[in-house]
């Protein structure tokens, strides 16, 4: 069983504002967007092969470690800001 959960919409909103401040190439942004999409996008009833980490029953992402939600392309400073923002919405599962 996972240790934490976060609403996929809350995770998506972690990326708005001043969290991502450093410069990235278009290729890096593309990889980050693909990564984030797996944790935030939910398939429609027509998308039976859509790859996602979102639990379709409740809209939460379940994780054991916050690092699962941190794109590897981010700089260390952006990773720190993102971890802090994620922690604000992370729910511990007892």
Protein backbone atom coordinates (compact mmCIF):
# COMPACT_ATOMS: atom_id res chain seq x y z
CA UNK A 1 0.00 0.00 0.00
CA UNK A 2 1.18 3.52 -0.80
CA UNK A 3 2.32 5.89 1.95
CA UNK A 4 0.89 9.07 0.42
CA UNK A 5 -1.73 10.36 -1.96
CA UNK A 6 -2.24 13.62 -3.77
CA UNK A 7 -5.18 14.71 -5.89
CA UNK A 8 -4.04 14.75 -9.50
CA UNK A 9 -5.43 18.26 -9.93
CA UNK A 10 -3.46 19.47 -6.89
CA UNK A 11 -0.29 17.96 -8.34
CA UNK A 12 -0.95 19.70 -11.65
CA UNK A 13 -1.35 23.05 -9.88
CA UNK A 14 2.05 22.57 -8.22
CA UNK A 15 3.53 23.69 -11.54
CA UNK A 16 1.81 27.07 -11.75
CA UNK A 17 3.29 30.17 -10.26
CA UNK A 18 6.91 30.50 -9.30
CA UNK A 19 7.89 26.85 -8.81
CA UNK A 20 9.63 26.39 -12.16
CA UNK A 21 12.02 29.33 -12.49
CA UNK A 22 15.03 28.00 -14.37
CA UNK A 23 15.45 27.81 -18.14
CA UNK A 24 14.95 24.58 -20.07
CA UNK A 25 15.22 23.51 -23.68
CA UNK A 26 12.14 22.63 -25.68
CA UNK A 27 13.13 18.94 -25.48
CA UNK A 28 13.38 19.13 -21.67
CA UNK A 29 9.97 20.83 -21.43
CA UNK A 30 8.49 18.15 -23.66
CA UNK A 31 9.84 15.35 -21.45
CA UNK A 32 8.61 17.12 -18.32
CA UNK A 33 5.15 17.61 -19.80
CA UNK A 34 4.93 13.92 -20.74
CA UNK A 35 5.95 12.99 -17.19
CA UNK A 36 3.46 15.37 -15.57
CA UNK A 37 0.66 14.22 -17.90
CA UNK A 38 1.00 10.67 -16.59
CA UNK A 39 0.22 11.95 -13.09
CA UNK A 40 -2.54 14.39 -14.03
CA UNK A 41 -4.44 13.30 -17.14
CA UNK A 42 -7.42 11.01 -16.90
CA UNK A 43 -8.58 9.01 -19.89
CA UNK A 44 -11.98 9.55 -21.40
CA UNK A 45 -14.35 6.66 -21.99
CA UNK A 46 -12.89 6.42 -25.49
CA UNK A 47 -9.26 6.06 -24.33
CA UNK A 48 -8.87 2.51 -23.07
CA UNK A 49 -5.12 2.40 -23.76
CA UNK A 50 -4.27 5.78 -22.21
CA UNK A 51 -1.22 5.53 -19.91
CA UNK A 52 -1.82 7.23 -16.59
CA UNK A 53 -0.95 6.97 -12.90
CA UNK A 54 -4.21 8.56 -11.80
CA UNK A 55 -6.57 6.27 -9.89
CA UNK A 56 -9.72 6.56 -11.98
CA UNK A 57 -11.98 5.78 -9.01
CA UNK A 58 -11.01 8.77 -6.91
CA UNK A 59 -8.67 11.01 -8.93
CA UNK A 60 -5.71 10.59 -6.58
CA UNK A 61 -2.13 9.58 -7.30
CA UNK A 62 -0.73 7.10 -4.79
CA UNK A 63 2.99 7.13 -4.06
CA UNK A 64 5.55 5.81 -1.59
CA UNK A 65 8.05 8.61 -2.07
CA UNK A 66 7.68 12.23 -3.14
CA UNK A 67 10.51 11.73 -5.64
CA UNK A 68 8.09 9.74 -7.81
CA UNK A 69 6.44 13.09 -8.65
CA UNK A 70 9.61 15.07 -9.43
CA UNK A 71 10.67 15.21 -13.10
CA UNK A 72 14.35 14.34 -13.42
CA UNK A 73 14.90 17.18 -15.93
CA UNK A 74 14.38 19.85 -13.27
CA UNK A 75 17.33 21.69 -11.80
CA UNK A 76 18.03 21.16 -8.10
CA UNK A 77 16.57 24.57 -7.21
CA UNK A 78 13.34 23.86 -9.10
CA UNK A 79 13.18 20.39 -7.52
CA UNK A 80 13.37 21.95 -4.04
CA UNK A 81 10.57 24.38 -4.83
CA UNK A 82 8.45 21.61 -6.35
CA UNK A 83 8.94 19.27 -3.37
CA UNK A 84 7.87 22.07 -1.03
CA UNK A 85 4.76 22.76 -3.10
CA UNK A 86 3.85 19.06 -3.37
CA UNK A 87 4.15 18.65 0.42
CA UNK A 88 1.41 21.27 0.85
CA UNK A 89 -1.10 18.93 -0.87
CA UNK A 90 0.33 15.53 0.06
CA UNK A 91 -1.89 13.38 2.28
CA UNK A 92 -0.33 10.72 4.49
CA UNK A 93 -2.12 7.39 4.39
CA UNK A 94 -2.27 5.67 7.75
